[in-house]
Amino acid sequence: MVPSPQAASEEGVCEAVMDVELVSISEDRAEFILSGVPAAFTNAIRRAALSEIPKIAIDEINVYNNTSALFDEQLALRFALVPLKGDHSILIPREECGCEDGCPRCQVQLTLMAEGPCVVHASDLVPTDPSVVPAEPSVPIVELFEGQAVAVEATARLGTGKQHAKWQVGVACGYKNMPKLEISEACDGCGECVEVCSKHIIVMEDDRPTITDSMLCTMCGLCEQVCGVNAIEVGELEDVFVMKLESDRSYTVHDMVREAAHTIKQRALSLSEQLGELIT
């Protein structure tokens, strides 16, 4: 249990409580249930994961040699979409740096030289700072045939997803209200709801339908429609949400969610300070 963003001050109003229940988690994916929060806060987590978290990505390339089947612009696109991981605090945004042409404070250089026949992968990128490496070394960039070659110098900078998709950390982030399914005593046990459920979460037990996992319900309403005695009601819990988040592996999903929450907190504090200045 943790205090939710609805929590009041110490002046006597009871605090609201946010409950987080972890359903599953891996290095790059997580599913959890948020309870006791408004939809706006849940959506803020989603949006922050997509567009507010700082990330290092290749922003510019110098092509010294390219006799592959791809145009230089296509190579640039593929380089930009290679997720990089590392200590994001080692760089500051280019717009905040006082340099004119780029420096080690705001950018990292990576080089790649290869001759065919071979498939060039992200692992072939050689960074000047060994702490910045491809998150997925096996990502293919280009296939070179006999006599073909590429020689590229890439510049990686810090940015956020709201600036460009190459800096987007979250790649599949969404949520839905927790479904609420109720079967009343009016049920005659006909079993038609079992047959129409596309998720197969309604099963017959002792001649009566039973919900096995309401979280998987898509709220399509087919079971409600097919029930001839109106014994099934499909709805949703207004303050309970099922969230599924996936990262591009430049961050672990745990760190991505933590950074998303941190950016929300910082923006809320900044807004509070600005409002305080206006009032005073």
C-alpha atoms as a PDB file:
ATOM      1  CA  MET A   1       0.000   0.000   0.000  1.00  0.00           C
ATOM      2  CA  VAL A   2       1.328   3.464  -0.880  1.00  0.00           C
ATOM      3  CA  PRO A   3      -0.231   6.926  -0.637  1.00  0.00           C
ATOM      4  CA  SER A   4      -1.991   7.788  -3.877  1.00  0.00           C
ATOM      5  CA  PRO A   5      -1.916  11.144  -5.668  1.00  0.00           C
ATOM      6  CA  GLN A   6      -5.328  11.762  -4.099  1.00  0.00           C
ATOM      7  CA  ALA A   7      -3.785  11.803  -0.649  1.00  0.00           C
ATOM      8  CA  ALA A   8      -4.689  14.908   1.286  1.00  0.00           C
ATOM      9  CA  SER A   9      -2.484  17.070   3.462  1.00  0.00           C
ATOM     10  CA  GLU A  10      -2.022  16.664   7.194  1.00  0.00           C
ATOM     11  CA  GLU A  11      -4.803  19.076   8.035  1.00  0.00           C
ATOM     12  CA  GLY A  12      -7.183  16.290   8.994  1.00  0.00           C
ATOM     13  CA  VAL A  13      -8.602  14.815   5.791  1.00  0.00           C
ATOM     14  CA  CYS A  14      -8.161  11.046   5.528  1.00  0.00           C
ATOM     15  CA  GLU A  15      -5.614   9.887   2.989  1.00  0.00           C
ATOM     16  CA  ALA A  16      -6.642   7.842  -0.013  1.00  0.00           C
ATOM     17  CA  VAL A  17      -4.562   4.730  -0.553  1.00  0.00           C
ATOM     18  CA  MET A  18      -3.247   3.290  -3.805  1.00  0.00           C
ATOM     19  CA  ASP A  19      -2.868  -0.468  -3.920  1.00  0.00           C
ATOM     20  CA  VAL A  20      -0.518  -2.121  -6.438  1.00  0.00           C
ATOM     21  CA  GLU A  21      -0.890  -5.838  -7.138  1.00  0.00           C
ATOM     22  CA  LEU A  22       1.752  -7.389  -9.376  1.00  0.00           C
ATOM     23  CA  VAL A  23       0.395  -9.958 -11.814  1.00  0.00           C
ATOM     24  CA  SER A  24       3.554 -10.765 -13.795  1.00  0.00           C
ATOM     25  CA  ILE A  25       6.937  -9.213 -14.526  1.00  0.00           C
ATOM     26  CA  SER A  26       9.990  -9.952 -16.668  1.00  0.00           C
ATOM     27  CA  GLU A  27      12.928  -7.832 -17.810  1.00  0.00           C
ATOM     28  CA  ASP A  28      10.902  -5.926 -20.390  1.00  0.00           C
ATOM     29  CA  ARG A  29       7.227  -6.590 -19.569  1.00  0.00           C
ATOM     30  CA  ALA A  30       4.990  -6.095 -16.568  1.00  0.00           C
ATOM     31  CA  GLU A  31       1.326  -6.452 -15.751  1.00  0.00           C
ATOM     32  CA  PHE A  32      -0.150  -5.121 -12.527  1.00  0.00           C
ATOM     33  CA  ILE A  33      -3.396  -3.910 -10.992  1.00  0.00           C
ATOM     34  CA  LEU A  34      -3.756  -0.350  -9.672  1.00  0.00           C
ATOM     35  CA  SER A  35      -6.546   0.231  -7.173  1.00  0.00           C
ATOM     36  CA  GLY A  36      -7.784   3.430  -5.582  1.00  0.00           C
ATOM     37  CA  VAL A  37      -6.577   5.807  -8.305  1.00  0.00           C
ATOM     38  CA  PRO A  38      -8.382   7.911 -10.934  1.00  0.00           C
ATOM     39  CA  ALA A  39      -8.105   7.161 -14.636  1.00  0.00           C
ATOM     40  CA  ALA A  40      -6.079  10.373 -15.092  1.00  0.00           C
ATOM     41  CA  PHE A  41      -3.238   9.057 -12.911  1.00  0.00           C
ATOM     42  CA  THR A  42      -3.200   5.686 -14.666  1.00  0.00           C
ATOM     43  CA  ASN A  43      -3.065   7.402 -18.032  1.00  0.00           C
ATOM     44  CA  ALA A  44      -0.276   9.681 -16.772  1.00  0.00           C
ATOM     45  CA  ILE A  45       1.861   6.600 -16.058  1.00  0.00           C
ATOM     46  CA  ARG A  46       1.202   5.341 -19.585  1.00  0.00           C
ATOM     47  CA  ARG A  47       1.976   8.677 -21.237  1.00  0.00           C
ATOM     48  CA  ALA A  48       5.126   9.212 -19.175  1.00  0.00           C
ATOM     49  CA  ALA A  49       6.439   5.773 -20.159  1.00  0.00           C
ATOM     50  CA  LEU A  50       5.861   6.627 -23.813  1.00  0.00           C
ATOM     51  CA  SER A  51       7.076  10.194 -23.993  1.00  0.00           C
ATOM     52  CA  GLU A  52       8.662  11.606 -20.824  1.00  0.00           C
ATOM     53  CA  ILE A  53      11.547   9.294 -19.885  1.00  0.00           C
ATOM     54  CA  PRO A  54      15.024  10.423 -21.025  1.00  0.00           C
ATOM     55  CA  LYS A  55      16.783   7.913 -23.273  1.00  0.00           C
ATOM     56  CA  ILE A  56      20.005   7.714 -25.299  1.00  0.00           C
ATOM     57  CA  ALA A  57      19.493   7.073 -29.017  1.00  0.00           C
ATOM     58  CA  ILE A  58      21.441   7.572 -32.225  1.00  0.00           C
ATOM     59  CA  ASP A  59      20.472  11.005 -33.509  1.00  0.00           C
ATOM     60  CA  GLU A  60      22.842  11.569 -36.403  1.00  0.00           C
ATOM     61  CA  ILE A  61      25.180   9.554 -38.625  1.00  0.00           C
ATOM     62  CA  ASN A  62      28.104  10.387 -40.896  1.00  0.00           C
ATOM     63  CA  VAL A  63      28.287   7.911 -43.771  1.00  0.00           C
ATOM     64  CA  TYR A  64      31.845   7.517 -45.064  1.00  0.00           C
ATOM     65  CA  ASN A  65      31.116   4.476 -47.207  1.00  0.00           C
ATOM     66  CA  ASN A  66      27.879   2.733 -48.137  1.00  0.00           C
ATOM     67  CA  THR A  67      27.731   0.326 -51.045  1.00  0.00           C
ATOM     68  CA  SER A  68      24.913  -1.719 -49.526  1.00  0.00           C
ATOM     69  CA  ALA A  69      21.452  -2.059 -51.055  1.00  0.00           C
ATOM     70  CA  LEU A  70      20.111   0.564 -48.639  1.00  0.00           C
ATOM     71  CA  PHE A  71      20.125   4.323 -49.158  1.00  0.00           C
ATOM     72  CA  ASP A  72      21.923   6.426 -46.536  1.00  0.00           C
ATOM     73  CA  GLU A  73      18.549   7.624 -45.200  1.00  0.00           C
ATOM     74  CA  GLN A  74      17.392   4.050 -44.680  1.00  0.00           C
ATOM     75  CA  LEU A  75      20.580   3.248 -42.801  1.00  0.00           C
ATOM     76  CA  ALA A  76      20.045   6.306 -40.600  1.00  0.00           C
ATOM     77  CA  LEU A  77      16.537   5.130 -39.738  1.00  0.00           C
ATOM     78  CA  ARG A  78      17.745   1.673 -38.766  1.00  0.00           C
ATOM     79  CA  PHE A  79      20.541   3.063 -36.619  1.00  0.00           C
ATOM     80  CA  ALA A  80      18.121   5.414 -34.862  1.00  0.00           C
ATOM     81  CA  LEU A  81      15.777   2.580 -33.919  1.00  0.00           C
ATOM     82  CA  VAL A  82      18.498   0.434 -32.298  1.00  0.00           C
ATOM     83  CA  PRO A  83      17.713   0.667 -28.552  1.00  0.00           C
ATOM     84  CA  LEU A  84      20.754   1.658 -26.491  1.00  0.00           C
ATOM     85  CA  LYS A  85      21.121   1.032 -22.780  1.00  0.00           C
ATOM     86  CA  GLY A  86      23.498   2.540 -20.272  1.00  0.00           C
ATOM     87  CA  ASP A  87      23.755   5.123 -17.520  1.00  0.00           C
ATOM     88  CA  HIS A  88      21.471   7.862 -18.853  1.00  0.00           C
ATOM     89  CA  SER A  89      22.815  10.306 -16.281  1.00  0.00           C
ATOM     90  CA  ILE A  90      26.179  10.524 -18.073  1.00  0.00           C
ATOM     91  CA  LEU A  91      24.664  12.845 -20.686  1.00  0.00           C
ATOM     92  CA  ILE A  92      22.694  16.075 -20.577  1.00  0.00           C
ATOM     93  CA  PRO A  93      20.253  17.156 -23.307  1.00  0.00           C
ATOM     94  CA  ARG A  94      21.951  18.888 -26.243  1.00  0.00           C
ATOM     95  CA  GLU A  95      19.829  22.022 -25.766  1.00  0.00           C
ATOM     96  CA  GLU A  96      21.094  22.355 -22.184  1.00  0.00           C
ATOM     97  CA  CYS A  97      24.767  22.041 -23.128  1.00  0.00           C
ATOM     98  CA  GLY A  98      26.772  25.188 -23.803  1.00  0.00           C
ATOM     99  CA  CYS A  99      28.843  23.632 -26.586  1.00  0.00           C
ATOM    100  CA  GLU A 100      28.328  24.507 -30.241  1.00  0.00           C
ATOM    101  CA  ASP A 101      29.267  21.343 -32.126  1.00  0.00           C
ATOM    102  CA  GLY A 102      28.677  18.658 -29.519  1.00  0.00           C
ATOM    103  CA  CYS A 103      30.931  17.390 -26.729  1.00  0.00           C
ATOM    104  CA  PRO A 104      31.306  14.369 -24.402  1.00  0.00           C
ATOM    105  CA  ARG A 105      28.851  15.989 -21.970  1.00  0.00           C
ATOM    106  CA  CYS A 106      25.938  15.794 -24.441  1.00  0.00           C
ATOM    107  CA  GLN A 107      26.763  13.014 -26.901  1.00  0.00           C
ATOM    108  CA  VAL A 108      28.433   9.630 -27.386  1.00  0.00           C
ATOM    109  CA  GLN A 109      30.098   8.479 -30.604  1.00  0.00           C
ATOM    110  CA  LEU A 110      29.709   4.988 -32.044  1.00  0.00           C
ATOM    111  CA  THR A 111      31.450   3.601 -35.122  1.00  0.00           C
ATOM    112  CA  LEU A 112      30.691   0.721 -37.426  1.00  0.00           C
ATOM    113  CA  MET A 113      32.775  -0.723 -40.241  1.00  0.00           C
ATOM    114  CA  ALA A 114      31.887  -3.953 -42.023  1.00  0.00           C
ATOM    115  CA  GLU A 115      32.500  -5.729 -45.313  1.00  0.00           C
ATOM    116  CA  GLY A 116      30.366  -8.384 -46.952  1.00  0.00           C
ATOM    117  CA  PRO A 117      29.320 -11.032 -47.209  1.00  0.00           C
ATOM    118  CA  CYS A 118      27.752 -10.737 -43.745  1.00  0.00           C
ATOM    119  CA  VAL A 119      24.752  -9.481 -41.803  1.00  0.00           C
ATOM    120  CA  VAL A 120      25.580  -6.352 -39.819  1.00  0.00           C
ATOM    121  CA  HIS A 121      24.066  -6.421 -36.317  1.00  0.00           C
ATOM    122  CA  ALA A 122      23.750  -3.875 -33.529  1.00  0.00           C
ATOM    123  CA  SER A 123      26.585  -5.680 -31.747  1.00  0.00           C
ATOM    124  CA  ASP A 124      28.944  -4.406 -34.471  1.00  0.00           C
ATOM    125  CA  LEU A 125      28.544  -0.842 -33.146  1.00  0.00           C
ATOM    126  CA  VAL A 126      31.646   0.238 -31.209  1.00  0.00           C
ATOM    127  CA  PRO A 127      30.962   3.068 -28.688  1.00  0.00           C
ATOM    128  CA  THR A 128      33.556   5.521 -27.402  1.00  0.00           C
ATOM    129  CA  ASP A 129      31.947   5.100 -23.974  1.00  0.00           C
ATOM    130  CA  PRO A 130      31.719   1.362 -23.134  1.00  0.00           C
ATOM    131  CA  SER A 131      28.841   2.013 -20.736  1.00  0.00           C
ATOM    132  CA  VAL A 132      26.520   2.744 -23.688  1.00  0.00           C
ATOM    133  CA  VAL A 133      25.764  -0.464 -25.595  1.00  0.00           C
ATOM    134  CA  PRO A 134      22.927  -1.857 -27.746  1.00  0.00           C
ATOM    135  CA  ALA A 135      20.149  -3.281 -25.597  1.00  0.00           C
ATOM    136  CA  GLU A 136      19.551  -5.996 -28.188  1.00  0.00           C
ATOM    137  CA  PRO A 137      22.904  -6.935 -29.806  1.00  0.00           C
ATOM    138  CA  SER A 138      21.211  -9.301 -32.277  1.00  0.00           C
ATOM    139  CA  VAL A 139      19.127  -6.586 -33.994  1.00  0.00           C
ATOM    140  CA  PRO A 140      20.012  -6.754 -37.732  1.00  0.00           C
ATOM    141  CA  ILE A 141      20.863  -3.471 -39.475  1.00  0.00           C
ATOM    142  CA  VAL A 142      21.793  -4.409 -43.033  1.00  0.00           C
ATOM    143  CA  GLU A 143      22.869  -7.434 -45.077  1.00  0.00           C
ATOM    144  CA  LEU A 144      26.034  -7.004 -47.086  1.00  0.00           C
ATOM    145  CA  PHE A 145      26.866  -9.133 -50.096  1.00  0.00           C
ATOM    146  CA  GLU A 146      30.230  -9.792 -51.710  1.00  0.00           C
ATOM    147  CA  GLY A 147      32.015  -6.532 -52.478  1.00  0.00           C
ATOM    148  CA  GLN A 148      29.670  -4.372 -50.381  1.00  0.00           C
ATOM    149  CA  ALA A 149      30.750  -2.374 -47.325  1.00  0.00           C
ATOM    150  CA  VAL A 150      29.575   0.238 -44.827  1.00  0.00           C
ATOM    151  CA  ALA A 151      31.583   2.674 -42.726  1.00  0.00           C
ATOM    152  CA  VAL A 152      29.538   4.870 -40.421  1.00  0.00           C
ATOM    153  CA  GLU A 153      30.147   7.176 -37.466  1.00  0.00           C
ATOM    154  CA  ALA A 154      27.043   7.632 -35.334  1.00  0.00           C
ATOM    155  CA  THR A 155      26.251  10.257 -32.706  1.00  0.00           C
ATOM    156  CA  ALA A 156      23.951   9.303 -29.837  1.00  0.00           C
ATOM    157  CA  ARG A 157      22.217  11.955 -27.743  1.00  0.00           C
ATOM    158  CA  LEU A 158      19.719  12.176 -24.892  1.00  0.00           C
ATOM    159  CA  GLY A 159      16.059  12.879 -25.648  1.00  0.00           C
ATOM    160  CA  THR A 160      12.477  11.899 -24.870  1.00  0.00           C
ATOM    161  CA  GLY A 161       9.702  10.253 -26.815  1.00  0.00           C
ATOM    162  CA  LYS A 162       7.770  13.504 -27.160  1.00  0.00           C
ATOM    163  CA  GLN A 163      10.628  14.741 -29.362  1.00  0.00           C
ATOM    164  CA  HIS A 164      10.915  11.690 -31.603  1.00  0.00           C
ATOM    165  CA  ALA A 165       9.984   7.997 -31.640  1.00  0.00           C
ATOM    166  CA  LYS A 166      13.659   6.956 -31.490  1.00  0.00           C
ATOM    167  CA  TRP A 167      13.729   8.218 -27.887  1.00  0.00           C
ATOM    168  CA  GLN A 168      10.557   6.345 -26.899  1.00  0.00           C
ATOM    169  CA  VAL A 169      11.174   3.877 -24.065  1.00  0.00           C
ATOM    170  CA  GLY A 170       7.713   2.335 -23.758  1.00  0.00           C
ATOM    171  CA  VAL A 171       6.679   0.381 -26.850  1.00  0.00           C
ATOM    172  CA  ALA A 172       3.413  -1.243 -25.780  1.00  0.00           C
ATOM    173  CA  CYS A 173       1.727   0.512 -22.876  1.00  0.00           C
ATOM    174  CA  GLY A 174      -1.971   0.358 -22.100  1.00  0.00           C
ATOM    175  CA  TYR A 175      -4.599  -0.132 -19.428  1.00  0.00           C
ATOM    176  CA  LYS A 176      -8.248  -0.936 -18.943  1.00  0.00           C
ATOM    177  CA  ASN A 177     -10.747  -0.789 -16.115  1.00  0.00           C
ATOM    178  CA  MET A 178     -10.987  -3.988 -14.123  1.00  0.00           C
ATOM    179  CA  PRO A 179     -14.028  -5.871 -15.499  1.00  0.00           C
ATOM    180  CA  LYS A 180     -16.838  -6.674 -13.106  1.00  0.00           C
ATOM    181  CA  LEU A 181     -19.002  -9.689 -13.950  1.00  0.00           C
ATOM    182  CA  GLU A 182     -21.953 -10.738 -11.807  1.00  0.00           C
ATOM    183  CA  ILE A 183     -24.244 -13.742 -12.237  1.00  0.00           C
ATOM    184  CA  SER A 184     -27.478 -13.524 -10.243  1.00  0.00           C
ATOM    185  CA  GLU A 185     -29.619 -16.249  -8.746  1.00  0.00           C
ATOM    186  CA  ALA A 186     -31.989 -15.883 -11.700  1.00  0.00           C
ATOM    187  CA  CYS A 187     -29.558 -17.960 -13.805  1.00  0.00           C
ATOM    188  CA  ASP A 188     -31.204 -21.133 -15.140  1.00  0.00           C
ATOM    189  CA  GLY A 189     -27.921 -22.848 -16.032  1.00  0.00           C
ATOM    190  CA  CYS A 190     -28.568 -23.014 -19.766  1.00  0.00           C
ATOM    191  CA  GLY A 191     -24.833 -22.634 -20.531  1.00  0.00           C
ATOM    192  CA  GLU A 192     -25.219 -20.353 -23.539  1.00  0.00           C
ATOM    193  CA  CYS A 193     -22.907 -17.750 -21.963  1.00  0.00           C
ATOM    194  CA  VAL A 194     -20.189 -20.396 -21.780  1.00  0.00           C
ATOM    195  CA  GLU A 195     -20.428 -21.029 -25.523  1.00  0.00           C
ATOM    196  CA  VAL A 196     -20.239 -17.374 -26.619  1.00  0.00           C
ATOM    197  CA  CYS A 197     -17.368 -16.289 -24.318  1.00  0.00           C
ATOM    198  CA  SER A 198     -14.394 -15.722 -26.616  1.00  0.00           C
ATOM    199  CA  LYS A 199     -11.933 -15.734 -23.700  1.00  0.00           C
ATOM    200  CA  HIS A 200     -13.339 -18.981 -22.240  1.00  0.00           C
ATOM    201  CA  ILE A 201     -13.462 -17.542 -18.739  1.00  0.00           C
ATOM    202  CA  ILE A 202     -17.006 -18.768 -18.049  1.00  0.00           C
ATOM    203  CA  VAL A 203     -17.239 -22.452 -17.159  1.00  0.00           C
ATOM    204  CA  MET A 204     -20.000 -24.682 -15.819  1.00  0.00           C
ATOM    205  CA  GLU A 205     -19.638 -25.909 -12.255  1.00  0.00           C
ATOM    206  CA  ASP A 206     -22.450 -27.820 -10.566  1.00  0.00           C
ATOM    207  CA  ASP A 207     -24.788 -26.873 -13.453  1.00  0.00           C
ATOM    208  CA  ARG A 208     -24.130 -23.159 -12.968  1.00  0.00           C
ATOM    209  CA  PRO A 209     -21.813 -20.782 -14.861  1.00  0.00           C
ATOM    210  CA  THR A 210     -18.765 -19.557 -12.919  1.00  0.00           C
ATOM    211  CA  ILE A 211     -16.258 -16.801 -13.730  1.00  0.00           C
ATOM    212  CA  THR A 212     -12.677 -18.160 -13.631  1.00  0.00           C
ATOM    213  CA  ASP A 213     -10.703 -14.957 -14.271  1.00  0.00           C
ATOM    214  CA  SER A 214     -12.639 -11.726 -14.697  1.00  0.00           C
ATOM    215  CA  MET A 215      -9.407  -9.815 -15.456  1.00  0.00           C
ATOM    216  CA  LEU A 216      -9.273 -11.471 -18.893  1.00  0.00           C
ATOM    217  CA  CYS A 217     -12.759 -10.269 -19.799  1.00  0.00           C
ATOM    218  CA  THR A 218     -12.860  -7.913 -22.808  1.00  0.00           C
ATOM    219  CA  MET A 219     -16.284  -6.589 -21.741  1.00  0.00           C
ATOM    220  CA  CYS A 220     -17.711  -7.435 -25.166  1.00  0.00           C
ATOM    221  CA  GLY A 221     -21.097  -8.092 -23.530  1.00  0.00           C
ATOM    222  CA  LEU A 222     -21.953 -11.199 -25.589  1.00  0.00           C
ATOM    223  CA  CYS A 223     -22.680 -13.255 -22.477  1.00  0.00           C
ATOM    224  CA  GLU A 224     -25.003 -10.517 -21.232  1.00  0.00           C
ATOM    225  CA  GLN A 225     -26.799 -10.340 -24.574  1.00  0.00           C
ATOM    226  CA  VAL A 226     -27.293 -14.089 -24.976  1.00  0.00           C
ATOM    227  CA  CYS A 227     -28.699 -14.580 -21.468  1.00  0.00           C
ATOM    228  CA  GLY A 228     -32.454 -15.060 -21.832  1.00  0.00           C
ATOM    229  CA  VAL A 229     -33.217 -14.388 -18.175  1.00  0.00           C
ATOM    230  CA  ASN A 230     -30.975 -11.291 -17.735  1.00  0.00           C
ATOM    231  CA  ALA A 231     -28.914 -13.010 -15.058  1.00  0.00           C
ATOM    232  CA  ILE A 232     -25.530 -11.690 -16.192  1.00  0.00           C
ATOM    233  CA  GLU A 233     -24.329  -8.128 -15.709  1.00  0.00           C
ATOM    234  CA  VAL A 234     -21.080  -6.919 -17.271  1.00  0.00           C
ATOM    235  CA  GLY A 235     -19.557  -3.717 -15.906  1.00  0.00           C
ATOM    236  CA  GLU A 236     -16.290  -2.255 -14.654  1.00  0.00           C
ATOM    237  CA  LEU A 237     -14.707  -1.003 -11.447  1.00  0.00           C
ATOM    238  CA  GLU A 238     -14.147   2.743 -11.833  1.00  0.00           C
ATOM    239  CA  ASP A 239     -11.032   3.051  -9.648  1.00  0.00           C
ATOM    240  CA  VAL A 240      -9.328  -0.272 -10.444  1.00  0.00           C
ATOM    241  CA  PHE A 241      -7.164  -0.650 -13.558  1.00  0.00           C
ATOM    242  CA  VAL A 242      -5.209  -3.434 -15.215  1.00  0.00           C
ATOM    243  CA  MET A 243      -1.966  -2.041 -16.682  1.00  0.00           C
ATOM    244  CA  LYS A 244       0.328  -3.751 -19.192  1.00  0.00           C
ATOM    245  CA  LEU A 245       3.648  -2.081 -19.955  1.00  0.00           C
ATOM    246  CA  GLU A 246       6.531  -3.100 -22.206  1.00  0.00           C
ATOM    247  CA  SER A 247       9.905  -1.408 -22.668  1.00  0.00           C
ATOM    248  CA  ASP A 248      12.325  -1.474 -25.594  1.00  0.00           C
ATOM    249  CA  ARG A 249      14.955  -2.795 -23.143  1.00  0.00           C
ATOM    250  CA  SER A 250      16.887   0.456 -22.986  1.00  0.00           C
ATOM    251  CA  TYR A 251      15.398   0.362 -19.473  1.00  0.00           C
ATOM    252  CA  THR A 252      14.160  -2.650 -17.573  1.00  0.00           C
ATOM    253  CA  VAL A 253      10.406  -2.402 -17.175  1.00  0.00           C
ATOM    254  CA  HIS A 254      10.915  -1.920 -13.410  1.00  0.00           C
ATOM    255  CA  ASP A 255      13.161   1.109 -14.003  1.00  0.00           C
ATOM    256  CA  MET A 256      10.822   2.405 -16.715  1.00  0.00           C
ATOM    257  CA  VAL A 257       7.831   2.473 -14.352  1.00  0.00           C
ATOM    258  CA  ARG A 258       9.963   4.065 -11.604  1.00  0.00           C
ATOM    259  CA  GLU A 259      11.187   6.776 -13.977  1.00  0.00           C
ATOM    260  CA  ALA A 260       7.636   7.379 -15.240  1.00  0.00           C
ATOM    261  CA  ALA A 261       6.423   7.897 -11.662  1.00  0.00           C
ATOM    262  CA  HIS A 262       9.404  10.158 -10.956  1.00  0.00           C
ATOM    263  CA  THR A 263       8.650  12.420 -13.938  1.00  0.00           C
ATOM    264  CA  ILE A 264       5.016  12.719 -12.835  1.00  0.00           C
ATOM    265  CA  LYS A 265       6.141  13.685  -9.330  1.00  0.00           C
ATOM    266  CA  GLN A 266       8.586  16.284 -10.656  1.00  0.00           C
ATOM    267  CA  ARG A 267       5.971  17.846 -12.924  1.00  0.00           C
ATOM    268  CA  ALA A 268       3.465  17.976 -10.048  1.00  0.00           C
ATOM    269  CA  LEU A 269       6.028  19.665  -7.774  1.00  0.00           C
ATOM    270  CA  SER A 270       6.903  22.166 -10.511  1.00  0.00           C
ATOM    271  CA  LEU A 271       3.233  23.006 -11.026  1.00  0.00           C
ATOM    272  CA  SER A 272       2.733  23.402  -7.277  1.00  0.00           C
ATOM    273  CA  GLU A 273       5.662  25.827  -7.078  1.00  0.00           C
ATOM    274  CA  GLN A 274       4.396  27.899 -10.006  1.00  0.00           C
ATOM    275  CA  LEU A 275       0.904  28.090  -8.529  1.00  0.00           C
ATOM    276  CA  GLY A 276       2.409  29.090  -5.208  1.00  0.00           C
ATOM    277  CA  GLU A 277       4.282  31.957  -6.856  1.00  0.00           C
ATOM    278  CA  LEU A 278       1.100  33.167  -8.525  1.00  0.00           C
ATOM    279  CA  ILE A 279      -0.848  33.119  -5.259  1.00  0.00           C
ATOM    280  CA  THR A 280       1.850  34.979  -3.309  1.00  0.00           C
END
